Every structure is written in C-alpha cells, then in structure tokens.
Amino acid sequence: MGASSILAGLLGLAIELVCGGLQQASETPAAAAESQAAAAPAAAVEEKAATQAAPAQAESDSGKTDSSPAAAGKAPAKPRPDETPTLTQFLPLIFIAAMFYLILLRPQQREQKRRQETLNALKKNDRVVTTGGIIGTIADLSADNRFVTLKVDDSTRIRFLRSAIHGLLEDKTETPAT
C-alpha cells in the first residue's frame, strides 16, 4: 500500500468528518428553535401520560423506583451542535494537511532543490545523463546558461536545454573477478 493510497484514505475520512460537523453546525438558530418547539408538545404529552400512569404503576410496583428520564418527565439530554468546540471539528483536517505536507510536499521540495543545485553546478567535462537517457560529456555551456552541448561520441555533439539534464552520471566500474 503506497503513501498516496494512505493519504487518499485519510483525506476521505477527514472530508467525511468535516462535512458531518459542518452539517450539524449549519443548523440555524431558527431551525433549532423550531425543532425544540415541535418536540415540546410531544414532551408534554409524554409527561401527561407519565403522570397519569404513575399512580397506577406505583400501586403495581409496590415500592419500585424508576430513574429513567421518561419516568421523571424529562427528555434525555442531547448534545447541542453549537456546544462542540470549533477547533476539535477541524483537527482531523489539520492533521491530514500536516501529513500531506510531511509525506508528499516536503520530500518533493528537497528533491527539486537538490536537482537545481546540481544543474547550476554543471561544468565542462562533466559526465551527465539526460532525462531521455542519453549519456554524454559536457562539451560547451551557452553564455546565458540555457543550453548545454553534449559530446555523445567522438564526432557527435547534441545541444540540450539545461533542464533536460537529469543529473551527473556516476560511473560504477566494477573490477572483473579473476
């Protein structure tokens, strides 16, 4: 499993968490008051039924106590969406952004910086390889440092953009085993 698939999974999870939090937070105060007003008559009906049933139940239970919220005439307490701290809603998104930076962006920036330093340090007679895989020796650098002329063979010279140079060629000559 690659870093990009892990990152994609984390990003999907963060989007799901943030969208769920935003959906709860987007409930307007008027809509909240409306839903509470709709719940109030239902709670009153439940309370009335509970008070009417309480004497009959008390006789049948003969001393049993019921501590449930419905028996007390109260609806169970629900957490209100506006009580959730804003920072905790965005913590997953902040975490994913930090991981994205550390896993993908930072190494890529380091590699670009290293490559640019290598291209700026090119000089005559360096053995290089191009992005196309051509190996040659630098024969000439243009005055404006945009072009590089590579000597590929004894009589073959090819002109490249400096950005087409992949990097220095490090010859690893192996001594034959005798």
N, C-alpha and C. Protein backbone atom coordinates (compact mmCIF):
# COMPACT_ATOMS: atom_id res chain seq x y z
N MET A 1 0.85 -1.17 0.00
CA MET A 1 0.00 0.00 0.00
C MET A 1 0.89 1.22 0.00
N GLY A 2 0.72 2.10 -0.97
CA GLY A 2 1.58 3.25 -1.11
C GLY A 2 1.13 4.42 -0.24
N ALA A 3 2.01 5.41 -0.17
CA ALA A 3 1.72 6.60 0.63
C ALA A 3 0.54 7.36 0.05
N SER A 4 0.39 7.34 -1.28
CA SER A 4 -0.71 8.09 -1.88
C SER A 4 -2.05 7.45 -1.56
N SER A 5 -2.13 6.12 -1.49
CA SER A 5 -3.40 5.49 -1.15
C SER A 5 -3.75 5.70 0.32
N ILE A 6 -2.73 5.73 1.18
CA ILE A 6 -2.99 6.02 2.59
C ILE A 6 -3.48 7.45 2.73
N LEU A 7 -2.82 8.35 2.02
CA LEU A 7 -3.20 9.76 2.07
C LEU A 7 -4.61 9.95 1.54
N ALA A 8 -4.95 9.25 0.47
CA ALA A 8 -6.30 9.37 -0.09
C ALA A 8 -7.34 8.88 0.91
N GLY A 9 -7.05 7.80 1.61
CA GLY A 9 -7.97 7.30 2.63
C GLY A 9 -8.14 8.28 3.77
N LEU A 10 -7.03 8.85 4.23
CA LEU A 10 -7.10 9.83 5.32
C LEU A 10 -7.84 11.08 4.88
N LEU A 11 -7.61 11.51 3.64
CA LEU A 11 -8.29 12.68 3.13
C LEU A 11 -9.79 12.44 3.04
N GLY A 12 -10.20 11.28 2.59
CA GLY A 12 -11.62 10.94 2.52
C GLY A 12 -12.26 10.94 3.90
N LEU A 13 -11.56 10.39 4.88
CA LEU A 13 -12.06 10.37 6.25
C LEU A 13 -12.21 11.78 6.80
N ALA A 14 -11.21 12.62 6.55
CA ALA A 14 -11.28 13.99 7.05
C ALA A 14 -12.42 14.75 6.41
N ILE A 15 -12.62 14.56 5.12
CA ILE A 15 -13.72 15.25 4.42
C ILE A 15 -15.05 14.80 5.00
N GLU A 16 -15.18 13.51 5.26
CA GLU A 16 -16.41 12.99 5.84
C GLU A 16 -16.66 13.58 7.22
N LEU A 17 -15.61 13.66 8.05
CA LEU A 17 -15.76 14.21 9.39
C LEU A 17 -16.09 15.69 9.35
N VAL A 18 -15.41 16.43 8.48
CA VAL A 18 -15.65 17.87 8.40
C VAL A 18 -17.03 18.16 7.85
N CYS A 19 -17.46 17.42 6.83
CA CYS A 19 -18.79 17.64 6.25
C CYS A 19 -19.86 17.33 7.28
N GLY A 20 -19.68 16.29 8.07
CA GLY A 20 -20.64 15.96 9.11
C GLY A 20 -20.70 17.05 10.16
N GLY A 21 -19.55 17.60 10.55
CA GLY A 21 -19.50 18.68 11.53
C GLY A 21 -20.11 19.95 10.99
N LEU A 22 -19.86 20.24 9.72
CA LEU A 22 -20.43 21.45 9.12
C LEU A 22 -21.93 21.34 8.97
N GLN A 23 -22.40 20.13 8.69
CA GLN A 23 -23.83 19.94 8.54
C GLN A 23 -24.53 20.18 9.88
N GLN A 24 -23.92 19.71 10.97
CA GLN A 24 -24.50 19.95 12.29
C GLN A 24 -24.41 21.42 12.65
N ALA A 25 -23.29 22.05 12.34
CA ALA A 25 -23.09 23.45 12.69
C ALA A 25 -23.93 24.38 11.83
N SER A 26 -24.34 23.92 10.64
CA SER A 26 -25.10 24.79 9.74
C SER A 26 -26.55 24.90 10.15
N GLU A 27 -26.99 24.15 11.15
CA GLU A 27 -28.37 24.26 11.60
C GLU A 27 -28.56 25.64 12.20
N THR A 28 -29.48 26.40 11.65
CA THR A 28 -29.68 27.78 12.09
C THR A 28 -30.38 27.80 13.43
N PRO A 29 -30.23 28.90 14.19
CA PRO A 29 -30.94 29.00 15.46
C PRO A 29 -32.45 28.92 15.29
N ALA A 30 -32.96 29.46 14.19
CA ALA A 30 -34.41 29.39 13.95
C ALA A 30 -34.85 27.95 13.76
N ALA A 31 -34.04 27.17 13.02
CA ALA A 31 -34.39 25.76 12.81
C ALA A 31 -34.29 24.99 14.12
N ALA A 32 -33.31 25.34 14.95
CA ALA A 32 -33.16 24.66 16.25
C ALA A 32 -34.36 24.99 17.14
N ALA A 33 -34.77 26.26 17.15
CA ALA A 33 -35.93 26.65 17.95
C ALA A 33 -37.19 25.98 17.44
N GLU A 34 -37.28 25.84 16.12
CA GLU A 34 -38.44 25.19 15.52
C GLU A 34 -38.50 23.72 15.91
N SER A 35 -37.34 23.04 15.88
CA SER A 35 -37.33 21.63 16.25
C SER A 35 -37.61 21.45 17.73
N GLN A 36 -37.16 22.39 18.58
CA GLN A 36 -37.46 22.32 20.01
C GLN A 36 -38.94 22.57 20.25
N ALA A 37 -39.55 23.51 19.48
CA ALA A 37 -40.97 23.79 19.62
C ALA A 37 -41.80 22.59 19.20
N ALA A 38 -41.33 21.87 18.18
CA ALA A 38 -42.04 20.67 17.73
C ALA A 38 -41.91 19.56 18.76
N ALA A 39 -40.79 19.52 19.46
CA ALA A 39 -40.57 18.48 20.45
C ALA A 39 -41.30 18.79 21.76
N ALA A 40 -41.60 20.05 22.04
CA ALA A 40 -42.25 20.43 23.29
C ALA A 40 -43.63 19.82 23.45
N PRO A 41 -44.54 19.87 22.44
CA PRO A 41 -45.86 19.24 22.62
C PRO A 41 -45.73 17.73 22.83
N ALA A 42 -44.78 17.09 22.14
CA ALA A 42 -44.61 15.65 22.32
C ALA A 42 -44.15 15.35 23.74
N ALA A 43 -43.26 16.19 24.27
CA ALA A 43 -42.78 16.00 25.64
C ALA A 43 -43.91 16.23 26.63
N ALA A 44 -44.79 17.21 26.35
CA ALA A 44 -45.92 17.47 27.24
C ALA A 44 -46.88 16.28 27.25
N VAL A 45 -47.12 15.69 26.09
CA VAL A 45 -48.00 14.52 26.00
C VAL A 45 -47.38 13.35 26.77
N GLU A 46 -46.05 13.15 26.61
CA GLU A 46 -45.38 12.07 27.33
C GLU A 46 -45.44 12.31 28.84
N GLU A 47 -45.27 13.56 29.26
CA GLU A 47 -45.30 13.90 30.68
C GLU A 47 -46.68 13.65 31.27
N LYS A 48 -47.70 14.03 30.50
CA LYS A 48 -49.07 13.83 30.97
C LYS A 48 -49.38 12.35 31.10
N ALA A 49 -48.92 11.57 30.12
CA ALA A 49 -49.16 10.13 30.17
C ALA A 49 -48.39 9.52 31.33
N ALA A 50 -47.20 10.04 31.57
CA ALA A 50 -46.39 9.50 32.67
C ALA A 50 -47.01 9.83 34.02
N THR A 51 -47.59 11.03 34.16
CA THR A 51 -48.20 11.38 35.45
C THR A 51 -49.48 10.62 35.68
N GLN A 52 -50.22 10.31 34.61
CA GLN A 52 -51.44 9.52 34.77
C GLN A 52 -51.10 8.08 35.08
N ALA A 53 -50.03 7.58 34.49
CA ALA A 53 -49.67 6.18 34.70
C ALA A 53 -48.91 6.00 36.00
N ALA A 54 -48.36 7.06 36.53
CA ALA A 54 -47.52 6.95 37.73
C ALA A 54 -48.29 6.41 38.93
N PRO A 55 -49.51 6.91 39.25
CA PRO A 55 -50.18 6.35 40.43
C PRO A 55 -50.53 4.88 40.24
N ALA A 56 -50.97 4.51 39.04
CA ALA A 56 -51.32 3.12 38.80
C ALA A 56 -50.08 2.23 38.86
N GLN A 57 -48.99 2.75 38.33
CA GLN A 57 -47.76 1.97 38.33
C GLN A 57 -47.19 1.88 39.74
N ALA A 58 -47.34 2.94 40.51
CA ALA A 58 -46.83 2.93 41.88
C ALA A 58 -47.53 1.88 42.70
N GLU A 59 -48.83 1.71 42.45
CA GLU A 59 -49.58 0.68 43.19
C GLU A 59 -49.12 -0.70 42.78
N SER A 60 -48.87 -0.90 41.45
CA SER A 60 -48.49 -2.24 40.99
C SER A 60 -47.03 -2.55 41.31
N ASP A 61 -46.17 -1.54 41.33
CA ASP A 61 -44.76 -1.78 41.60
C ASP A 61 -44.51 -1.99 43.08
N SER A 62 -45.33 -1.43 43.90
CA SER A 62 -45.24 -1.52 45.35
C SER A 62 -43.83 -1.21 45.85
N GLY A 63 -43.41 0.01 45.56
CA GLY A 63 -42.16 0.48 46.13
C GLY A 63 -40.98 0.50 45.17
N LYS A 64 -41.13 0.03 43.94
CA LYS A 64 -40.03 0.09 42.98
C LYS A 64 -39.86 1.52 42.52
N THR A 65 -38.60 1.94 42.35
CA THR A 65 -38.35 3.28 41.83
C THR A 65 -37.81 3.18 40.43
N ASP A 66 -38.19 4.13 39.59
CA ASP A 66 -37.75 4.18 38.20
C ASP A 66 -37.01 5.48 37.99
N SER A 67 -35.77 5.40 37.65
CA SER A 67 -34.97 6.61 37.49
C SER A 67 -34.75 6.98 36.03
N SER A 68 -35.54 6.44 35.11
CA SER A 68 -35.36 6.77 33.70
C SER A 68 -35.86 8.19 33.45
N PRO A 69 -35.31 8.85 32.43
CA PRO A 69 -35.72 10.23 32.13
C PRO A 69 -37.19 10.32 31.76
N ALA A 70 -37.75 9.30 31.09
CA ALA A 70 -39.15 9.35 30.71
C ALA A 70 -40.04 9.32 31.94
N ALA A 71 -39.64 8.53 32.95
CA ALA A 71 -40.43 8.46 34.18
C ALA A 71 -40.36 9.76 34.94
N ALA A 72 -39.27 10.47 34.84
CA ALA A 72 -39.13 11.75 35.53
C ALA A 72 -39.80 12.87 34.76
N GLY A 73 -40.28 12.58 33.56
CA GLY A 73 -40.95 13.60 32.76
C GLY A 73 -39.98 14.46 31.96
N LYS A 74 -38.74 14.03 31.81
CA LYS A 74 -37.75 14.79 31.07
C LYS A 74 -37.27 13.97 29.87
N ALA A 75 -37.02 14.66 28.79
CA ALA A 75 -36.45 14.00 27.62
C ALA A 75 -34.96 13.80 27.86
N PRO A 76 -34.36 12.75 27.31
CA PRO A 76 -32.93 12.55 27.50
C PRO A 76 -32.15 13.74 26.92
N ALA A 77 -31.09 14.10 27.61
CA ALA A 77 -30.30 15.25 27.18
C ALA A 77 -29.52 14.91 25.91
N LYS A 78 -29.65 15.75 24.90
CA LYS A 78 -28.91 15.57 23.65
C LYS A 78 -27.85 16.65 23.56
N PRO A 79 -26.65 16.29 23.11
CA PRO A 79 -25.64 17.34 22.95
C PRO A 79 -26.04 18.27 21.82
N ARG A 80 -25.92 19.54 22.08
CA ARG A 80 -26.25 20.52 21.05
C ARG A 80 -25.05 20.72 20.14
N PRO A 81 -25.30 20.89 18.83
CA PRO A 81 -24.18 21.04 17.91
C PRO A 81 -23.37 22.31 18.15
N ASP A 82 -23.99 23.36 18.68
CA ASP A 82 -23.25 24.59 18.89
C ASP A 82 -22.35 24.54 20.11
N GLU A 83 -22.44 23.47 20.91
CA GLU A 83 -21.57 23.31 22.07
C GLU A 83 -20.24 22.67 21.70
N THR A 84 -20.13 22.08 20.51
CA THR A 84 -18.90 21.44 20.09
C THR A 84 -17.86 22.51 19.77
N PRO A 85 -16.67 22.43 20.36
CA PRO A 85 -15.64 23.43 20.06
C PRO A 85 -15.25 23.39 18.59
N THR A 86 -15.07 24.55 18.01
CA THR A 86 -14.77 24.66 16.59
C THR A 86 -13.44 24.01 16.25
N LEU A 87 -12.44 24.17 17.10
CA LEU A 87 -11.12 23.63 16.82
C LEU A 87 -11.15 22.11 16.71
N THR A 88 -11.93 21.46 17.55
CA THR A 88 -11.97 19.99 17.50
C THR A 88 -12.62 19.49 16.23
N GLN A 89 -13.47 20.29 15.62
CA GLN A 89 -14.08 19.89 14.35
C GLN A 89 -13.05 19.87 13.23
N PHE A 90 -12.07 20.76 13.31
CA PHE A 90 -11.10 20.87 12.24
C PHE A 90 -9.79 20.14 12.53
N LEU A 91 -9.66 19.51 13.68
CA LEU A 91 -8.43 18.77 14.00
C LEU A 91 -8.11 17.68 12.98
N PRO A 92 -9.07 16.87 12.55
CA PRO A 92 -8.73 15.85 11.53
C PRO A 92 -8.22 16.47 10.23
N LEU A 93 -8.82 17.58 9.83
CA LEU A 93 -8.39 18.24 8.60
C LEU A 93 -6.98 18.81 8.76
N ILE A 94 -6.71 19.39 9.92
CA ILE A 94 -5.37 19.93 10.19
C ILE A 94 -4.34 18.81 10.20
N PHE A 95 -4.70 17.68 10.81
CA PHE A 95 -3.79 16.53 10.86
C PHE A 95 -3.49 16.01 9.45
N ILE A 96 -4.50 15.90 8.62
CA ILE A 96 -4.30 15.40 7.25
C ILE A 96 -3.47 16.37 6.44
N ALA A 97 -3.69 17.66 6.62
CA ALA A 97 -2.88 18.65 5.89
C ALA A 97 -1.42 18.55 6.31
N ALA A 98 -1.16 18.36 7.61
CA ALA A 98 0.22 18.22 8.08
C ALA A 98 0.86 16.95 7.52
N MET A 99 0.14 15.85 7.49
CA MET A 99 0.68 14.60 6.94
C MET A 99 0.93 14.74 5.44
N PHE A 100 0.04 15.40 4.73
CA PHE A 100 0.21 15.64 3.30
C PHE A 100 1.51 16.40 3.05
N TYR A 101 1.75 17.42 3.87
CA TYR A 101 2.97 18.22 3.71
C TYR A 101 4.20 17.37 4.01
N LEU A 102 4.16 16.63 5.10
CA LEU A 102 5.35 15.86 5.51
C LEU A 102 5.64 14.68 4.58
N ILE A 103 4.60 14.05 4.05
CA ILE A 103 4.81 12.85 3.23
C ILE A 103 5.07 13.19 1.77
N LEU A 104 4.37 14.18 1.23
CA LEU A 104 4.49 14.44 -0.21
C LEU A 104 5.24 15.73 -0.55
N LEU A 105 4.85 16.82 0.03
CA LEU A 105 5.40 18.10 -0.42
C LEU A 105 6.83 18.33 0.01
N ARG A 106 7.15 18.06 1.25
CA ARG A 106 8.50 18.34 1.76
C ARG A 106 9.57 17.54 1.00
N PRO A 107 9.42 16.23 0.82
CA PRO A 107 10.45 15.49 0.05
C PRO A 107 10.56 15.97 -1.39
N GLN A 108 9.43 16.34 -1.99
CA GLN A 108 9.48 16.83 -3.37
C GLN A 108 10.24 18.15 -3.45
N GLN A 109 10.04 19.03 -2.48
CA GLN A 109 10.76 20.30 -2.47
C GLN A 109 12.25 20.07 -2.28
N ARG A 110 12.62 19.13 -1.42
CA ARG A 110 14.04 18.81 -1.22
C ARG A 110 14.67 18.30 -2.51
N GLU A 111 13.96 17.43 -3.22
CA GLU A 111 14.48 16.87 -4.47
C GLU A 111 14.64 17.96 -5.53
N GLN A 112 13.68 18.86 -5.65
CA GLN A 112 13.78 19.95 -6.62
C GLN A 112 14.97 20.86 -6.30
N LYS A 113 15.17 21.13 -5.02
CA LYS A 113 16.29 21.98 -4.61
C LYS A 113 17.62 21.30 -4.94
N ARG A 114 17.73 20.01 -4.67
CA ARG A 114 18.95 19.25 -4.96
C ARG A 114 19.22 19.23 -6.46
N ARG A 115 18.18 19.02 -7.26
CA ARG A 115 18.34 18.98 -8.71
C ARG A 115 18.77 20.34 -9.25
N GLN A 116 18.17 21.42 -8.74
CA GLN A 116 18.53 22.75 -9.20
C GLN A 116 19.98 23.08 -8.86
N GLU A 117 20.43 22.67 -7.68
CA GLU A 117 21.83 22.89 -7.30
C GLU A 117 22.77 22.12 -8.23
N THR A 118 22.36 20.89 -8.58
CA THR A 118 23.18 20.08 -9.50
C THR A 118 23.26 20.74 -10.87
N LEU A 119 22.13 21.24 -11.39
CA LEU A 119 22.12 21.88 -12.70
C LEU A 119 22.94 23.16 -12.70
N ASN A 120 22.90 23.90 -11.61
CA ASN A 120 23.68 25.14 -11.54
C ASN A 120 25.17 24.87 -11.43
N ALA A 121 25.56 23.70 -10.92
CA ALA A 121 26.97 23.38 -10.73
C ALA A 121 27.59 22.65 -11.92
N LEU A 122 26.86 22.50 -13.02
CA LEU A 122 27.41 21.81 -14.18
C LEU A 122 28.59 22.59 -14.75
N LYS A 123 29.60 21.85 -15.21
CA LYS A 123 30.76 22.49 -15.82
C LYS A 123 31.26 21.59 -16.96
N LYS A 124 32.22 22.10 -17.72
CA LYS A 124 32.78 21.37 -18.84
C LYS A 124 33.40 20.06 -18.36
N ASN A 125 33.30 19.05 -19.20
CA ASN A 125 33.85 17.71 -18.99
C ASN A 125 33.15 16.90 -17.90
N ASP A 126 31.99 17.34 -17.43
CA ASP A 126 31.18 16.51 -16.51
C ASP A 126 30.44 15.46 -17.33
N ARG A 127 30.40 14.25 -16.82
CA ARG A 127 29.62 13.19 -17.48
C ARG A 127 28.21 13.26 -16.91
N VAL A 128 27.21 13.41 -17.81
CA VAL A 128 25.83 13.58 -17.38
C VAL A 128 24.92 12.61 -18.14
N VAL A 129 23.72 12.46 -17.61
CA VAL A 129 22.68 11.69 -18.29
C VAL A 129 21.47 12.61 -18.44
N THR A 130 20.82 12.55 -19.60
CA THR A 130 19.66 13.40 -19.85
C THR A 130 18.40 12.69 -19.37
N THR A 131 17.30 13.42 -19.36
CA THR A 131 16.03 12.80 -18.97
C THR A 131 15.60 11.74 -19.97
N GLY A 132 16.11 11.82 -21.19
CA GLY A 132 15.81 10.80 -22.20
C GLY A 132 16.74 9.61 -22.14
N GLY A 133 17.74 9.66 -21.28
CA GLY A 133 18.65 8.53 -21.10
C GLY A 133 19.93 8.62 -21.91
N ILE A 134 20.18 9.73 -22.56
CA ILE A 134 21.40 9.89 -23.35
C ILE A 134 22.55 10.25 -22.41
N ILE A 135 23.64 9.52 -22.56
CA ILE A 135 24.82 9.75 -21.72
C ILE A 135 25.85 10.48 -22.55
N GLY A 136 26.42 11.51 -21.96
CA GLY A 136 27.44 12.27 -22.69
C GLY A 136 28.28 13.11 -21.76
N THR A 137 29.25 13.78 -22.37
CA THR A 137 30.15 14.66 -21.64
C THR A 137 29.85 16.09 -22.08
N ILE A 138 29.81 17.00 -21.13
CA ILE A 138 29.51 18.39 -21.46
C ILE A 138 30.70 18.96 -22.23
N ALA A 139 30.42 19.41 -23.46
CA ALA A 139 31.45 20.00 -24.30
C ALA A 139 31.42 21.52 -24.23
N ASP A 140 30.21 22.09 -24.02
CA ASP A 140 30.11 23.54 -24.01
C ASP A 140 28.84 23.95 -23.26
N LEU A 141 28.93 25.08 -22.59
CA LEU A 141 27.77 25.68 -21.93
C LEU A 141 27.51 27.02 -22.60
N SER A 142 26.25 27.33 -22.89
CA SER A 142 25.94 28.59 -23.55
C SER A 142 26.19 29.76 -22.60
N ALA A 143 26.29 30.95 -23.17
CA ALA A 143 26.59 32.14 -22.37
C ALA A 143 25.45 32.47 -21.40
N ASP A 144 24.21 32.21 -21.83
CA ASP A 144 23.07 32.51 -20.96
C ASP A 144 22.68 31.34 -20.06
N ASN A 145 23.46 30.28 -20.08
CA ASN A 145 23.24 29.08 -19.25
C ASN A 145 21.92 28.39 -19.50
N ARG A 146 21.34 28.56 -20.67
CA ARG A 146 20.11 27.84 -21.00
C ARG A 146 20.39 26.54 -21.72
N PHE A 147 21.49 26.48 -22.46
CA PHE A 147 21.77 25.32 -23.30
C PHE A 147 23.07 24.66 -22.88
N VAL A 148 23.11 23.35 -23.13
CA VAL A 148 24.30 22.55 -22.86
C VAL A 148 24.57 21.73 -24.12
N THR A 149 25.80 21.71 -24.57
CA THR A 149 26.17 20.88 -25.70
C THR A 149 26.89 19.65 -25.16
N LEU A 150 26.32 18.48 -25.50
CA LEU A 150 26.90 17.22 -25.03
C LEU A 150 27.67 16.55 -26.14
N LYS A 151 28.81 16.02 -25.78
CA LYS A 151 29.59 15.21 -26.71
C LYS A 151 29.21 13.77 -26.40
N VAL A 152 28.47 13.17 -27.35
CA VAL A 152 27.96 11.82 -27.15
C VAL A 152 28.95 10.79 -27.67
N ASP A 153 29.57 11.11 -28.80
CA ASP A 153 30.54 10.22 -29.42
C ASP A 153 31.71 11.09 -29.87
N ASP A 154 32.69 10.48 -30.51
CA ASP A 154 33.85 11.26 -30.95
C ASP A 154 33.46 12.42 -31.87
N SER A 155 32.50 12.18 -32.75
CA SER A 155 32.15 13.23 -33.72
C SER A 155 30.71 13.71 -33.55
N THR A 156 30.00 13.28 -32.51
CA THR A 156 28.59 13.63 -32.35
C THR A 156 28.42 14.57 -31.15
N ARG A 157 27.84 15.72 -31.46
CA ARG A 157 27.52 16.68 -30.40
C ARG A 157 26.04 17.03 -30.51
N ILE A 158 25.37 17.03 -29.36
CA ILE A 158 23.93 17.32 -29.32
C ILE A 158 23.70 18.47 -28.35
N ARG A 159 22.84 19.39 -28.75
CA ARG A 159 22.55 20.54 -27.91
C ARG A 159 21.23 20.28 -27.16
N PHE A 160 21.26 20.48 -25.84
CA PHE A 160 20.10 20.24 -24.98
C PHE A 160 19.82 21.49 -24.15
N LEU A 161 18.59 21.59 -23.70
CA LEU A 161 18.27 22.58 -22.67
C LEU A 161 18.90 22.09 -21.38
N ARG A 162 19.33 23.00 -20.56
CA ARG A 162 19.93 22.62 -19.28
C ARG A 162 18.92 21.84 -18.43
N SER A 163 17.65 22.18 -18.52
CA SER A 163 16.63 21.50 -17.72
C SER A 163 16.41 20.05 -18.17
N ALA A 164 16.93 19.68 -19.37
CA ALA A 164 16.80 18.30 -19.84
C ALA A 164 17.86 17.39 -19.26
N ILE A 165 18.80 17.95 -18.52
CA ILE A 165 19.83 17.14 -17.88
C ILE A 165 19.26 16.57 -16.59
N HIS A 166 19.28 15.26 -16.47
CA HIS A 166 18.75 14.61 -15.27
C HIS A 166 19.72 14.74 -14.11
N GLY A 167 20.98 14.53 -14.38
CA GLY A 167 21.97 14.65 -13.31
C GLY A 167 23.32 14.15 -13.76
N LEU A 168 24.24 14.20 -12.84
CA LEU A 168 25.59 13.70 -13.12
C LEU A 168 25.57 12.19 -13.18
N LEU A 169 26.38 11.66 -14.07
CA LEU A 169 26.50 10.21 -14.20
C LEU A 169 27.63 9.74 -13.32
N GLU A 170 27.31 8.84 -12.46
CA GLU A 170 28.33 8.29 -11.57
C GLU A 170 28.68 6.91 -12.09
N ASP A 171 29.85 6.82 -12.70
CA ASP A 171 30.31 5.54 -13.24
C ASP A 171 30.70 4.62 -12.09
N LYS A 172 30.13 3.47 -12.10
CA LYS A 172 30.49 2.47 -11.10
C LYS A 172 31.17 1.32 -11.83
N THR A 173 32.43 1.50 -12.01
CA THR A 173 33.19 0.47 -12.73
C THR A 173 33.53 -0.66 -11.77
N GLU A 174 33.20 -1.81 -12.21
CA GLU A 174 33.48 -2.99 -11.40
C GLU A 174 34.73 -3.67 -11.90
N THR A 175 35.53 -4.09 -11.02
CA THR A 175 36.71 -4.85 -11.40
C THR A 175 36.29 -6.29 -11.63
N PRO A 176 36.68 -6.84 -12.77
CA PRO A 176 36.29 -8.23 -13.03
C PRO A 176 36.96 -9.19 -12.05
N ALA A 177 36.20 -10.14 -11.62
CA ALA A 177 36.74 -11.15 -10.69
C ALA A 177 37.65 -12.10 -11.46
N THR A 178 38.80 -12.35 -10.89
CA THR A 178 39.75 -13.23 -11.59
C THR A 178 39.88 -14.56 -10.94
